[in-house]
Amino acid sequence: MQSSNIPYQNWLRARGAMALGAPQVDFTTLGMFIIDEIHSGPPNARTVVRDAIGGAGTYSIIGARLFSPPPHSHKIGWIVDAGRDFPSTIRAQLKALDTNLLLREAPDRLTTRGWNSYGAGPNDHREFRYLTPKKRLEADDLIAARLVVAKTIHFICSPVRAQMVAYELCGILDDCRPGAGAATRFIWEPVPDLCTPEHRLDMYKTLKLVHVISPNHAELAGFYGIEDPTDNSSRATIEALTAKLVTAGIGPHNTGAAIVRCGKMGCLVSSHGRPPVWLPAYYSTDGDNGEGPNHEKVVDPTGGGNTFIGGVAIGLVRYPGNFVMAAAMGAVAASFAIEQIGIPVLEKGGAGRGERWNGVEVGRRWEEYKARVEAMGVVLETWEGMEAPV
């Protein structure tokens, strides 16, 4: 649905001219920064963690940052709204990431905060609610921060809002830098609550405007009214529903892909003209439907899917059009997010050493995962002249 508000469109495009000459940006997000309160574990032994760095946007930034050590880290751009209650410890953690961060001070309001609860069952049932009023990001925020020219832009929202954001961003980019709109890749993560049959038609309309749609398997099934966990986690069901998305057409000229995140089952990558490909999770489990227990290294699934998105985004920057390679990078990125409560711990490299996250070099984990996947018969194609992941 295109807006008929011409003055507003013209104003946005005039503002977009501010982005001309902006530093190169590989990835940015319209997802929010949230300070989380996380409740997890069995009913008789619940663990509560407060003041945890969170939010879909934040974790997607972490996923991109994992594969972007300095100076590449400066190409990861994002916006954080810091209320009057913003902890100094979190401020220091964010700045230590060495990204293109715009920290907007908002002393007149509280920081967006959320309450998360994870069950101990096989499906890791999640509940979420906001504890303070949320402040979402808009296209104009990316313009003002000179991030609108990013090579990949992530948004997590309803199908209707995704359409509006895509139209706005394409109009701004094409007016201010001809051809930029075609070069920018939109990665859409549907918001869970609106993955329902009532929104399926709008979802199909949105597919034409984005380059990657990445729901998890339950969200995908939700668009078709399948709520039973046994049904929506069936590989056959996931493949059949993903085929519907590809048949409907994803991206301009049908050049996009569906990358369905399936937790410990891994992910399914599907695009027009290519056979679908299953990739394992880095920390996989036994059984086709992921009914086995979590791997012993998995502590908290919070943010795993969003971190996966950030890895995919950088994969598409480094390997344009190779959705399988991008998804493999997403799987490795996600593995770091779920090893602890909160974001992974970054250790800066000393003399002769690279960065470590949770004590591990990302490049080594990437090579190990890539070898494992290729041993399964999955070809992660590379092309001469493309950059290495790290």
Protein backbone atom coordinates (compact mmCIF):
# COMPACT_ATOMS: atom_id res chain seq x y z
CA MET A 1 0.00 0.00 0.00
CA GLN A 2 1.61 3.23 -1.13
CA SER A 3 1.04 6.38 0.85
CA SER A 4 -0.93 9.14 -0.88
CA ASN A 5 0.60 11.76 1.42
CA ILE A 6 2.76 13.47 -1.24
CA PRO A 7 4.02 16.35 0.99
CA TYR A 8 5.20 13.80 3.55
CA GLN A 9 6.94 11.74 0.85
CA ASN A 10 8.66 14.83 -0.53
CA TRP A 11 9.76 15.83 2.95
CA LEU A 12 11.21 12.37 3.55
CA ARG A 13 13.09 12.45 0.27
CA ALA A 14 14.46 15.91 0.99
CA ARG A 15 15.64 14.61 4.33
CA GLY A 16 17.12 11.61 2.55
CA ALA A 17 19.53 13.91 0.73
CA MET A 18 21.28 14.25 4.09
CA ALA A 19 22.55 10.69 3.62
CA LEU A 20 24.55 11.55 0.52
CA GLY A 21 28.23 11.14 1.26
CA ALA A 22 27.54 9.13 4.41
CA PRO A 23 30.15 6.56 5.48
CA GLN A 24 29.62 3.09 4.03
CA VAL A 25 27.17 1.00 6.04
CA ASP A 26 26.84 -2.76 5.60
CA PHE A 27 23.91 -3.31 7.95
CA THR A 28 21.35 -1.45 10.00
CA THR A 29 18.06 -2.31 11.67
CA LEU A 30 14.69 -0.80 12.49
CA GLY A 31 14.42 -3.22 15.40
CA MET A 32 14.46 -1.71 18.86
CA PHE A 33 16.93 -1.81 21.71
CA ILE A 34 15.27 -3.22 24.84
CA ILE A 35 16.50 -3.80 28.37
CA ASP A 36 15.24 -7.28 29.26
CA GLU A 37 14.13 -9.02 32.41
CA ILE A 38 14.49 -12.74 31.68
CA HIS A 39 12.76 -15.56 33.56
CA SER A 40 13.84 -19.08 32.56
CA GLY A 41 14.07 -22.66 33.74
CA PRO A 42 11.64 -25.18 35.30
CA PRO A 43 8.84 -23.94 37.61
CA ASN A 44 10.63 -25.10 40.75
CA ALA A 45 13.97 -23.51 39.85
CA ARG A 46 13.33 -20.31 37.91
CA THR A 47 16.27 -18.06 37.11
CA VAL A 48 15.70 -14.30 36.89
CA VAL A 49 18.13 -11.91 35.21
CA ARG A 50 17.47 -8.17 35.18
CA ASP A 51 19.01 -5.37 33.13
CA ALA A 52 20.00 -7.69 30.28
CA ILE A 53 20.80 -6.13 26.92
CA GLY A 54 18.07 -7.20 24.52
CA GLY A 55 15.72 -6.40 21.70
CA ALA A 56 15.42 -7.86 18.20
CA GLY A 57 17.39 -5.00 16.71
CA THR A 58 20.19 -5.34 19.24
CA TYR A 59 20.67 -9.04 18.66
CA SER A 60 20.63 -8.57 14.89
CA ILE A 61 23.44 -6.02 15.33
CA ILE A 62 25.38 -8.56 17.40
CA GLY A 63 24.95 -11.14 14.63
CA ALA A 64 26.40 -8.73 12.07
CA ARG A 65 29.14 -7.57 14.45
CA LEU A 66 30.35 -11.13 15.09
CA PHE A 67 31.51 -11.31 11.48
CA SER A 68 32.75 -7.71 11.38
CA PRO A 69 35.86 -7.11 13.48
CA PRO A 70 37.37 -3.60 13.32
CA PRO A 71 37.56 -1.73 11.03
CA HIS A 72 34.54 -3.51 9.48
CA SER A 73 32.67 -2.98 12.75
CA HIS A 74 32.30 0.71 11.86
CA LYS A 75 30.06 -0.36 8.95
CA ILE A 76 27.47 -1.73 11.38
CA GLY A 77 25.12 1.16 12.14
CA TRP A 78 22.29 1.38 14.65
CA ILE A 79 20.25 3.62 16.91
CA VAL A 80 19.68 3.19 20.65
CA ASP A 81 17.24 5.35 22.62
CA ALA A 82 18.57 5.78 26.16
CA GLY A 83 16.03 6.89 28.74
CA ARG A 84 16.79 8.51 32.07
CA ASP A 85 17.11 5.05 33.65
CA PHE A 86 19.76 3.83 31.19
CA PRO A 87 22.42 1.91 33.17
CA SER A 88 26.00 3.13 32.81
CA THR A 89 27.22 -0.47 32.61
CA ILE A 90 25.09 -1.09 29.52
CA ARG A 91 26.27 2.18 27.98
CA ALA A 92 29.87 1.02 28.35
CA GLN A 93 29.09 -2.42 26.86
CA LEU A 94 27.48 -0.92 23.78
CA LYS A 95 30.32 1.50 23.14
CA ALA A 96 32.85 -1.32 23.51
CA LEU A 97 31.35 -2.98 20.42
CA ASP A 98 33.05 -0.24 18.36
CA THR A 99 30.16 0.13 15.91
CA ASN A 100 28.57 3.11 14.19
CA LEU A 101 26.25 3.68 17.15
CA LEU A 102 23.92 6.64 17.59
CA LEU A 103 23.03 6.77 21.28
CA ARG A 104 20.06 9.15 21.58
CA GLU A 105 19.58 10.55 25.06
CA ALA A 106 15.93 10.84 26.16
CA PRO A 107 15.81 12.16 29.75
CA ASP A 108 12.06 12.76 29.48
CA ARG A 109 11.20 9.05 29.23
CA LEU A 110 12.16 5.59 30.43
CA THR A 111 14.16 3.19 28.30
CA THR A 112 12.07 0.54 26.55
CA ARG A 113 12.01 -2.50 28.83
CA GLY A 114 10.62 -6.00 28.30
CA TRP A 115 9.69 -9.08 30.34
CA ASN A 116 10.64 -12.47 28.87
CA SER A 117 9.69 -15.92 30.14
CA TYR A 118 11.01 -19.16 28.68
CA GLY A 119 9.63 -22.55 29.61
CA ALA A 120 11.63 -25.71 30.10
CA GLY A 121 9.63 -27.86 27.67
CA PRO A 122 10.86 -29.21 24.33
CA ASN A 123 9.44 -26.23 22.43
CA ASP A 124 10.92 -23.55 24.72
CA HIS A 125 7.56 -21.73 25.03
CA ARG A 126 8.09 -17.98 25.21
CA GLU A 127 6.03 -15.18 26.69
CA PHE A 128 6.83 -11.49 26.28
CA ARG A 129 5.38 -8.16 27.35
CA TYR A 130 6.59 -4.58 27.54
CA LEU A 131 7.22 -3.13 30.99
CA THR A 132 7.57 0.48 29.76
CA PRO A 133 6.22 2.30 26.69
CA LYS A 134 8.10 1.28 23.56
CA LYS A 135 9.71 3.71 21.14
CA ARG A 136 9.97 2.16 17.72
CA LEU A 137 12.23 3.37 14.93
CA GLU A 138 10.95 4.80 11.65
CA ALA A 139 12.44 5.37 8.21
CA ASP A 140 13.09 9.00 9.11
CA ASP A 141 15.30 7.87 12.01
CA LEU A 142 17.57 6.06 9.55
CA ILE A 143 17.68 9.17 7.39
CA ALA A 144 18.63 11.45 10.27
CA ALA A 145 21.33 9.00 11.38
CA ARG A 146 22.63 8.70 7.78
CA LEU A 147 22.06 4.95 7.91
CA VAL A 148 19.46 4.78 5.16
CA VAL A 149 22.11 3.90 2.55
CA ALA A 150 22.98 0.61 4.30
CA LYS A 151 23.54 -2.39 2.04
CA THR A 152 21.16 -4.49 4.16
CA ILE A 153 18.27 -3.20 6.28
CA HIS A 154 16.39 -5.36 8.77
CA PHE A 155 12.89 -4.75 10.01
CA ILE A 156 10.70 -6.80 12.32
CA CYS A 157 7.07 -5.78 12.01
CA SER A 158 3.62 -6.57 10.61
CA PRO A 159 3.14 -7.23 6.89
CA VAL A 160 1.38 -3.88 6.39
CA ARG A 161 4.10 -1.90 8.14
CA ALA A 162 6.76 -3.79 6.20
CA GLN A 163 5.12 -2.68 2.96
CA MET A 164 5.06 0.95 4.09
CA VAL A 165 8.69 0.89 5.24
CA ALA A 166 9.86 -0.76 2.00
CA TYR A 167 8.01 1.80 -0.15
CA GLU A 168 9.40 4.70 1.88
CA LEU A 169 12.98 3.46 1.85
CA CYS A 170 12.96 2.62 -1.86
CA GLY A 171 11.57 6.04 -2.73
CA ILE A 172 14.14 7.82 -0.61
CA LEU A 173 17.09 5.82 -1.93
CA ASP A 174 16.12 6.07 -5.59
CA ASP A 175 15.50 9.82 -5.39
CA CYS A 176 18.69 10.64 -3.53
CA ARG A 177 21.05 8.17 -5.16
CA PRO A 178 19.66 6.61 -8.35
CA GLY A 179 19.96 2.85 -8.31
CA ALA A 180 20.63 2.65 -4.56
CA GLY A 181 17.18 1.28 -3.88
CA ALA A 182 17.91 -1.69 -6.13
CA ALA A 183 21.24 -2.30 -4.38
CA THR A 184 19.86 -2.30 -0.83
CA ARG A 185 18.58 -5.62 0.52
CA PHE A 186 15.58 -5.70 2.87
CA ILE A 187 15.39 -8.56 5.37
CA TRP A 188 11.92 -8.90 6.88
CA GLU A 189 11.27 -10.73 10.13
CA PRO A 190 7.47 -10.99 10.65
CA VAL A 191 6.34 -9.97 14.13
CA PRO A 192 5.09 -13.16 15.87
CA ASP A 193 1.71 -11.90 17.11
CA LEU A 194 0.52 -11.04 13.59
CA CYS A 195 1.52 -14.27 11.87
CA THR A 196 -2.12 -15.31 11.47
CA PRO A 197 -4.38 -16.29 8.56
CA GLU A 198 -5.95 -12.82 8.71
CA HIS A 199 -2.60 -11.33 7.69
CA ARG A 200 -1.67 -13.93 5.07
CA LEU A 201 -2.79 -11.88 2.07
CA ASP A 202 -0.77 -8.87 3.24
CA MET A 203 2.17 -11.20 3.84
CA TYR A 204 2.03 -12.28 0.19
CA LYS A 205 1.96 -8.64 -0.92
CA THR A 206 4.99 -7.89 1.24
CA LEU A 207 7.00 -10.72 -0.31
CA LYS A 208 7.33 -8.74 -3.54
CA LEU A 209 9.00 -5.83 -1.74
CA VAL A 210 11.62 -7.60 0.39
CA HIS A 211 14.61 -9.73 -0.52
CA VAL A 212 14.49 -12.16 2.39
CA ILE A 213 11.57 -13.23 4.57
CA SER A 214 12.72 -15.04 7.70
CA PRO A 215 10.01 -16.28 10.06
CA ASN A 216 10.60 -19.13 12.46
CA HIS A 217 8.71 -22.34 11.76
CA ALA A 218 5.89 -21.55 14.19
CA GLU A 219 5.40 -18.07 12.70
CA LEU A 220 5.34 -19.49 9.17
CA ALA A 221 2.73 -22.05 10.20
CA GLY A 222 0.74 -19.34 11.96
CA PHE A 223 0.02 -17.62 8.63
CA TYR A 224 -1.76 -20.84 7.60
CA GLY A 225 -3.58 -21.46 10.88
CA ILE A 226 -1.40 -24.39 11.99
CA GLU A 227 -0.91 -24.04 15.74
CA ASP A 228 -0.18 -27.59 16.90
CA PRO A 229 3.57 -27.78 17.77
CA THR A 230 3.81 -31.30 16.38
CA ASP A 231 2.43 -30.18 13.04
CA ASN A 232 4.26 -26.87 12.70
CA SER A 233 7.63 -28.44 13.51
CA SER A 234 7.27 -31.20 10.93
CA ARG A 235 9.91 -30.91 8.20
CA ALA A 236 7.34 -31.91 5.59
CA THR A 237 4.99 -29.13 6.75
CA ILE A 238 7.78 -26.53 6.82
CA GLU A 239 8.88 -27.48 3.31
CA ALA A 240 5.33 -27.37 1.94
CA LEU A 241 4.56 -23.97 3.44
CA THR A 242 7.90 -22.50 2.38
CA ALA A 243 7.21 -23.67 -1.17
CA LYS A 244 4.03 -21.56 -1.11
CA LEU A 245 6.11 -18.46 -0.37
CA VAL A 246 8.55 -19.18 -3.18
CA THR A 247 5.71 -19.90 -5.61
CA ALA A 248 4.09 -16.57 -4.70
CA GLY A 249 7.37 -14.83 -5.56
CA ILE A 250 9.87 -13.22 -3.19
CA GLY A 251 11.68 -10.00 -3.98
CA PRO A 252 11.86 -7.84 -7.08
CA HIS A 253 11.97 -10.06 -10.17
CA ASN A 254 11.52 -13.12 -7.92
CA THR A 255 15.18 -13.03 -6.88
CA GLY A 256 14.65 -13.27 -3.11
CA ALA A 257 14.51 -16.16 -0.66
CA ALA A 258 12.69 -17.59 2.32
CA ILE A 259 15.00 -18.57 5.17
CA VAL A 260 12.91 -20.32 7.82
CA ARG A 261 14.49 -20.51 11.26
CA CYS A 262 13.70 -23.80 12.98
CA GLY A 263 15.64 -23.57 16.25
CA LYS A 264 17.59 -26.70 17.09
CA MET A 265 16.34 -28.31 13.84
CA GLY A 266 18.38 -25.78 11.87
CA CYS A 267 16.96 -23.73 9.00
CA LEU A 268 15.44 -24.18 5.56
CA VAL A 269 16.64 -22.03 2.65
CA SER A 270 14.41 -21.83 -0.41
CA SER A 271 14.45 -19.61 -3.49
CA HIS A 272 13.12 -19.65 -7.04
CA GLY A 273 14.80 -22.05 -9.43
CA ARG A 274 16.89 -23.83 -6.77
CA PRO A 275 16.13 -26.90 -4.65
CA PRO A 276 15.46 -26.16 -0.97
CA VAL A 277 18.38 -26.72 1.37
CA TRP A 278 18.32 -27.72 5.04
CA LEU A 279 21.21 -26.52 7.18
CA PRO A 280 21.76 -27.86 10.70
CA ALA A 281 21.85 -25.64 13.75
CA TYR A 282 25.36 -25.26 15.11
CA TYR A 283 24.03 -26.85 18.31
CA SER A 284 21.70 -29.40 16.73
CA THR A 285 19.61 -32.08 18.38
CA ASP A 286 18.49 -35.60 17.57
CA GLY A 287 15.25 -36.20 15.71
CA ASP A 288 13.71 -34.70 12.59
CA ASN A 289 11.37 -32.45 14.56
CA GLY A 290 13.87 -31.28 17.16
CA GLU A 291 12.18 -33.24 19.92
CA GLY A 292 15.48 -34.08 21.60
CA PRO A 293 16.81 -32.08 24.56
CA ASN A 294 18.76 -28.89 24.04
CA HIS A 295 22.49 -29.25 23.54
CA GLU A 296 24.35 -28.88 26.84
CA LYS A 297 25.94 -25.64 25.61
CA VAL A 298 22.55 -23.98 25.04
CA VAL A 299 21.72 -21.84 28.06
CA ASP A 300 19.08 -19.35 26.85
CA PRO A 301 17.44 -19.10 23.40
CA THR A 302 16.71 -15.38 23.79
CA GLY A 303 17.86 -13.50 20.70
CA GLY A 304 19.11 -16.54 18.81
CA GLY A 305 16.83 -15.97 15.84
CA ASN A 306 17.57 -12.25 15.65
CA THR A 307 21.32 -12.89 15.84
CA PHE A 308 20.85 -15.35 13.00
CA ILE A 309 19.34 -12.50 10.93
CA GLY A 310 22.40 -10.31 11.48
CA GLY A 311 24.68 -13.10 10.31
CA VAL A 312 22.51 -13.60 7.21
CA ALA A 313 22.71 -9.87 6.44
CA ILE A 314 26.50 -9.82 6.49
CA GLY A 315 26.51 -13.02 4.47
CA LEU A 316 24.52 -11.27 1.74
CA VAL A 317 26.97 -8.35 1.78
CA ARG A 318 29.98 -10.65 1.43
CA TYR A 319 28.35 -13.20 -0.89
CA PRO A 320 25.59 -11.41 -2.85
CA GLY A 321 22.78 -13.73 -3.88
CA ASN A 322 24.19 -16.79 -2.06
CA PHE A 323 21.37 -17.39 0.41
CA VAL A 324 22.72 -20.75 1.56
CA MET A 325 26.10 -19.26 2.47
CA ALA A 326 24.34 -16.38 4.23
CA ALA A 327 22.15 -18.78 6.23
CA ALA A 328 25.23 -20.78 7.23
CA MET A 329 26.77 -17.59 8.60
CA GLY A 330 23.48 -16.95 10.40
CA ALA A 331 23.64 -20.39 12.05
CA VAL A 332 27.14 -19.71 13.37
CA ALA A 333 26.13 -16.25 14.60
CA ALA A 334 23.12 -17.67 16.45
CA SER A 335 25.31 -20.20 18.27
CA PHE A 336 27.07 -17.40 20.17
CA ALA A 337 23.80 -15.79 21.28
CA ILE A 338 22.38 -18.85 23.03
CA GLU A 339 25.41 -19.91 25.08
CA GLN A 340 24.54 -17.54 27.95
CA ILE A 341 21.86 -15.25 29.30
CA GLY A 342 22.27 -11.91 27.54
CA ILE A 343 24.57 -11.04 24.67
CA PRO A 344 27.84 -12.91 24.08
CA VAL A 345 30.97 -11.58 25.73
CA LEU A 346 33.48 -9.82 23.49
CA GLU A 347 37.19 -10.03 24.27
CA LYS A 348 39.33 -7.62 22.29
CA GLY A 349 42.33 -9.15 20.55
CA GLY A 350 45.76 -8.42 21.91
CA ALA A 351 49.06 -8.51 20.06
CA GLY A 352 48.86 -11.23 17.42
CA ARG A 353 45.35 -12.27 18.48
CA GLY A 354 41.98 -11.71 16.92
CA GLU A 355 38.74 -10.98 18.72
CA ARG A 356 37.11 -13.70 20.78
CA TRP A 357 33.44 -14.05 21.62
CA ASN A 358 32.68 -16.27 24.60
CA GLY A 359 36.35 -17.22 24.41
CA VAL A 360 36.09 -18.45 20.80
CA GLU A 361 37.39 -16.99 17.54
CA VAL A 362 34.43 -16.62 15.17
CA GLY A 363 36.55 -17.59 12.18
CA ARG A 364 37.47 -20.93 13.73
CA ARG A 365 33.87 -21.77 14.56
CA TRP A 366 32.87 -20.76 11.02
CA GLU A 367 35.46 -23.06 9.44
CA GLU A 368 34.39 -25.95 11.68
CA TYR A 369 30.71 -25.49 10.84
CA LYS A 370 31.40 -25.06 7.13
CA ALA A 371 33.40 -28.31 7.06
CA ARG A 372 30.59 -30.11 8.89
CA VAL A 373 27.96 -28.86 6.44
CA GLU A 374 30.02 -29.67 3.36
CA ALA A 375 30.63 -33.18 4.74
CA MET A 376 26.84 -33.58 4.69
CA GLY A 377 26.86 -32.91 0.96
CA VAL A 378 25.72 -29.28 1.09
CA VAL A 379 27.76 -27.10 -1.24
CA LEU A 380 28.49 -23.66 0.15
CA GLU A 381 29.55 -22.05 -3.10
CA THR A 382 31.96 -19.13 -3.14
CA TRP A 383 32.96 -16.93 -6.02
CA GLU A 384 36.34 -15.53 -6.92
CA GLY A 385 36.75 -11.99 -5.66
CA MET A 386 34.29 -12.27 -2.76
CA GLU A 387 35.50 -11.31 0.68
CA ALA A 388 36.03 -13.91 3.40
CA PRO A 389 33.41 -13.95 6.20
CA VAL A 390 35.86 -12.54 8.77
